[in-house]
Amino acid sequence: MILKAIVAYAENRVIGKNNDLIWHLPDDLKHFKMHTAGKTIVMGRKTWDSLGGRPLPNRRHIVITRKKDFRAKGAEVTHSLEDAIKLAQAEEEVFIVGGAQIYALSIQMIDVLEITEVHGEFNGDAYFPSFNSGDFELISQQYHPKDENHQFSFTFKTLVRKV
């Protein structure tokens, strides 16, 4: 199994505020869909809640929560990252999709980072954890300027963990 994280963060590593995204970037949403469609996505309960408590189409959802009686219609519920990974061990690719706590728990295990770096610094209350960029090789990046559909410029980056 290849464990990937997919995230959009600002230059100051902010990923959200009040359990919501700070920016609306249609091409980033398409990027997320392109990478995760047909795949297993692992998320924390707050991220599940931010989706409206319903699954995204054409994806297997695994939700991690400390709440023992938590139920998520259309998703599998676990109580640890290790249990989530065990559930998905037969999958070819598994995506960690947030939030901050789940990214922090998984960052040392991530094989591939799919990052959308939003150009700017934002106020928020959720951050992507710091990681040693020397552990990863940048294999692609694609810059998108701001335009009529995108209030901010951003860059898609793919980083692969060095062996």
Protein backbone atom coordinates (compact mmCIF):
# COMPACT_ATOMS: atom_id res chain seq x y z
CA MET A 1 0.00 0.00 0.00
CA ILE A 2 1.16 3.50 -0.85
CA LEU A 3 0.11 6.00 1.81
CA LYS A 4 -0.46 9.47 0.45
CA ALA A 5 -1.52 12.74 2.03
CA ILE A 6 -3.44 15.28 0.01
CA VAL A 7 -3.70 18.77 1.42
CA ALA A 8 -4.13 22.41 0.51
CA TYR A 9 -2.21 24.72 2.77
CA ALA A 10 -1.12 28.34 2.80
CA GLU A 11 2.50 29.47 2.88
CA ASN A 12 2.22 29.58 6.70
CA ARG A 13 0.83 25.99 6.65
CA VAL A 14 -2.71 27.02 7.61
CA ILE A 15 -5.25 24.48 6.35
CA GLY A 16 -8.47 25.77 7.86
CA LYS A 17 -10.43 27.86 10.29
CA ASN A 18 -13.53 26.93 12.29
CA ASN A 19 -13.55 23.47 10.69
CA ASP A 20 -13.80 24.90 7.19
CA LEU A 21 -11.58 25.82 4.27
CA ILE A 22 -10.46 29.43 4.04
CA TRP A 23 -10.34 29.66 0.25
CA HIS A 24 -12.45 28.43 -2.64
CA LEU A 25 -10.27 27.15 -5.48
CA PRO A 26 -12.29 25.15 -8.03
CA ASP A 27 -9.17 23.71 -9.69
CA ASP A 28 -7.95 22.46 -6.31
CA LEU A 29 -11.29 20.72 -5.74
CA LYS A 30 -10.92 19.08 -9.18
CA HIS A 31 -7.35 18.08 -8.27
CA PHE A 32 -8.61 16.46 -5.04
CA LYS A 33 -11.34 14.60 -6.92
CA MET A 34 -8.95 13.43 -9.65
CA HIS A 35 -6.54 11.95 -7.10
CA THR A 36 -9.04 10.43 -4.66
CA ALA A 37 -11.87 9.17 -6.90
CA GLY A 38 -12.13 5.40 -6.62
CA LYS A 39 -9.70 5.36 -3.68
CA THR A 40 -9.87 5.01 0.09
CA ILE A 41 -9.71 8.25 2.05
CA VAL A 42 -8.90 8.42 5.76
CA MET A 43 -9.97 11.39 7.83
CA GLY A 44 -10.66 12.55 11.34
CA ARG A 45 -14.16 13.07 12.65
CA LYS A 46 -14.00 16.86 12.33
CA THR A 47 -13.11 16.53 8.65
CA TRP A 48 -16.03 14.10 8.23
CA ASP A 49 -18.29 16.68 9.92
CA SER A 50 -16.98 19.39 7.56
CA LEU A 51 -18.23 17.24 4.66
CA GLY A 52 -21.71 17.51 6.12
CA GLY A 53 -21.48 14.04 7.66
CA ARG A 54 -21.95 12.36 4.32
CA PRO A 55 -19.52 10.54 2.04
CA LEU A 56 -18.06 11.99 -1.12
CA PRO A 57 -19.05 10.03 -4.23
CA ASN A 58 -17.00 7.10 -5.46
CA ARG A 59 -14.64 6.81 -2.49
CA ARG A 60 -14.27 4.49 0.49
CA HIS A 61 -14.31 6.57 3.69
CA ILE A 62 -12.59 5.65 6.93
CA VAL A 63 -13.21 8.03 9.83
CA ILE A 64 -10.98 8.10 12.91
CA THR A 65 -12.54 9.26 16.17
CA ARG A 66 -12.06 8.87 19.90
CA LYS A 67 -15.84 8.73 20.37
CA LYS A 68 -16.64 5.06 20.96
CA ASP A 69 -20.33 5.37 20.01
CA PHE A 70 -19.76 7.47 16.87
CA ARG A 71 -21.51 6.33 13.69
CA ALA A 72 -20.92 7.71 10.21
CA LYS A 73 -23.42 6.65 7.57
CA GLY A 74 -21.54 5.58 4.46
CA ALA A 75 -18.18 5.34 6.24
CA GLU A 76 -16.22 2.89 8.34
CA VAL A 77 -15.31 4.14 11.82
CA THR A 78 -12.07 3.36 13.64
CA HIS A 79 -10.48 4.68 16.81
CA SER A 80 -6.83 4.91 15.72
CA LEU A 81 -4.73 5.62 12.66
CA GLU A 82 -3.24 2.13 12.96
CA ASP A 83 -6.73 0.56 12.80
CA ALA A 84 -7.60 2.70 9.78
CA ILE A 85 -4.47 1.58 7.97
CA LYS A 86 -5.20 -2.07 8.82
CA LEU A 87 -8.70 -1.69 7.34
CA ALA A 88 -7.20 -0.37 4.12
CA GLN A 89 -4.09 -2.55 3.92
CA ALA A 90 -5.28 -4.38 0.79
CA GLU A 91 -5.67 -1.12 -1.13
CA GLU A 92 -3.07 0.02 -3.65
CA GLU A 93 -3.29 3.69 -2.59
CA VAL A 94 -4.78 5.26 0.51
CA PHE A 95 -5.15 9.01 1.01
CA ILE A 96 -4.96 10.86 4.30
CA VAL A 97 -7.26 13.86 3.77
CA GLY A 98 -7.18 15.61 7.15
CA GLY A 99 -7.49 17.21 9.45
CA ALA A 100 -4.51 18.60 11.30
CA GLN A 101 -4.39 15.88 13.98
CA ILE A 102 -4.57 13.05 11.46
CA TYR A 103 -1.90 14.66 9.27
CA ALA A 104 0.33 15.02 12.35
CA LEU A 105 -0.18 11.37 13.33
CA SER A 106 0.55 10.10 9.82
CA ILE A 107 3.29 12.42 8.50
CA GLN A 108 6.14 10.04 9.38
CA MET A 109 4.41 7.22 7.44
CA ILE A 110 3.48 9.19 4.32
CA ASP A 111 5.03 7.95 1.07
CA VAL A 112 3.69 10.72 -1.20
CA LEU A 113 2.56 14.27 -0.45
CA GLU A 114 0.09 15.87 -2.86
CA ILE A 115 0.23 19.51 -1.80
CA THR A 116 -1.65 22.52 -3.07
CA GLU A 117 0.33 25.47 -1.76
CA VAL A 118 -1.92 28.52 -1.66
CA HIS A 119 0.19 31.63 -2.11
CA GLY A 120 -0.47 33.89 0.82
CA GLU A 121 -0.60 33.75 4.59
CA PHE A 122 -3.92 33.30 6.32
CA ASN A 123 -5.30 33.32 9.83
CA GLY A 124 -6.57 29.94 10.85
CA ASP A 125 -6.75 27.45 13.68
CA ALA A 126 -5.63 24.27 11.89
CA TYR A 127 -2.15 23.74 10.46
CA PHE A 128 -0.38 21.09 8.41
CA PRO A 129 2.50 19.71 10.51
CA SER A 130 6.06 20.61 9.72
CA PHE A 131 8.06 17.88 8.04
CA ASN A 132 11.62 17.47 6.88
CA SER A 133 11.51 18.46 3.22
CA GLY A 134 14.91 16.74 2.83
CA ASP A 135 13.10 13.42 3.31
CA PHE A 136 11.13 14.05 0.11
CA GLU A 137 11.92 14.66 -3.54
CA LEU A 138 9.84 17.18 -5.46
CA ILE A 139 8.84 15.30 -8.60
CA SER A 140 6.36 17.77 -10.08
CA GLN A 141 4.96 21.22 -9.58
CA GLN A 142 2.46 23.26 -11.53
CA TYR A 143 1.78 26.93 -10.85
CA HIS A 144 -1.72 28.40 -11.26
CA PRO A 145 -2.09 32.18 -11.26
CA LYS A 146 -5.10 33.80 -9.70
CA ASP A 147 -7.90 34.44 -12.17
CA GLU A 148 -11.63 35.11 -12.32
CA ASN A 149 -12.37 31.72 -10.68
CA HIS A 150 -9.46 31.65 -8.23
CA GLN A 151 -8.97 34.45 -5.73
CA PHE A 152 -5.43 33.30 -4.93
CA SER A 153 -2.56 31.84 -6.92
CA PHE A 154 -1.42 28.35 -5.95
CA THR A 155 0.99 25.60 -6.90
CA PHE A 156 0.31 21.87 -7.08
CA LYS A 157 3.33 19.94 -5.78
CA THR A 158 3.99 16.21 -5.64
CA LEU A 159 6.68 15.07 -3.23
CA VAL A 160 7.82 11.47 -2.90
CA ARG A 161 9.62 10.14 0.16
CA LYS A 162 13.25 9.30 -0.59
CA VAL A 163 14.20 5.68 -0.02
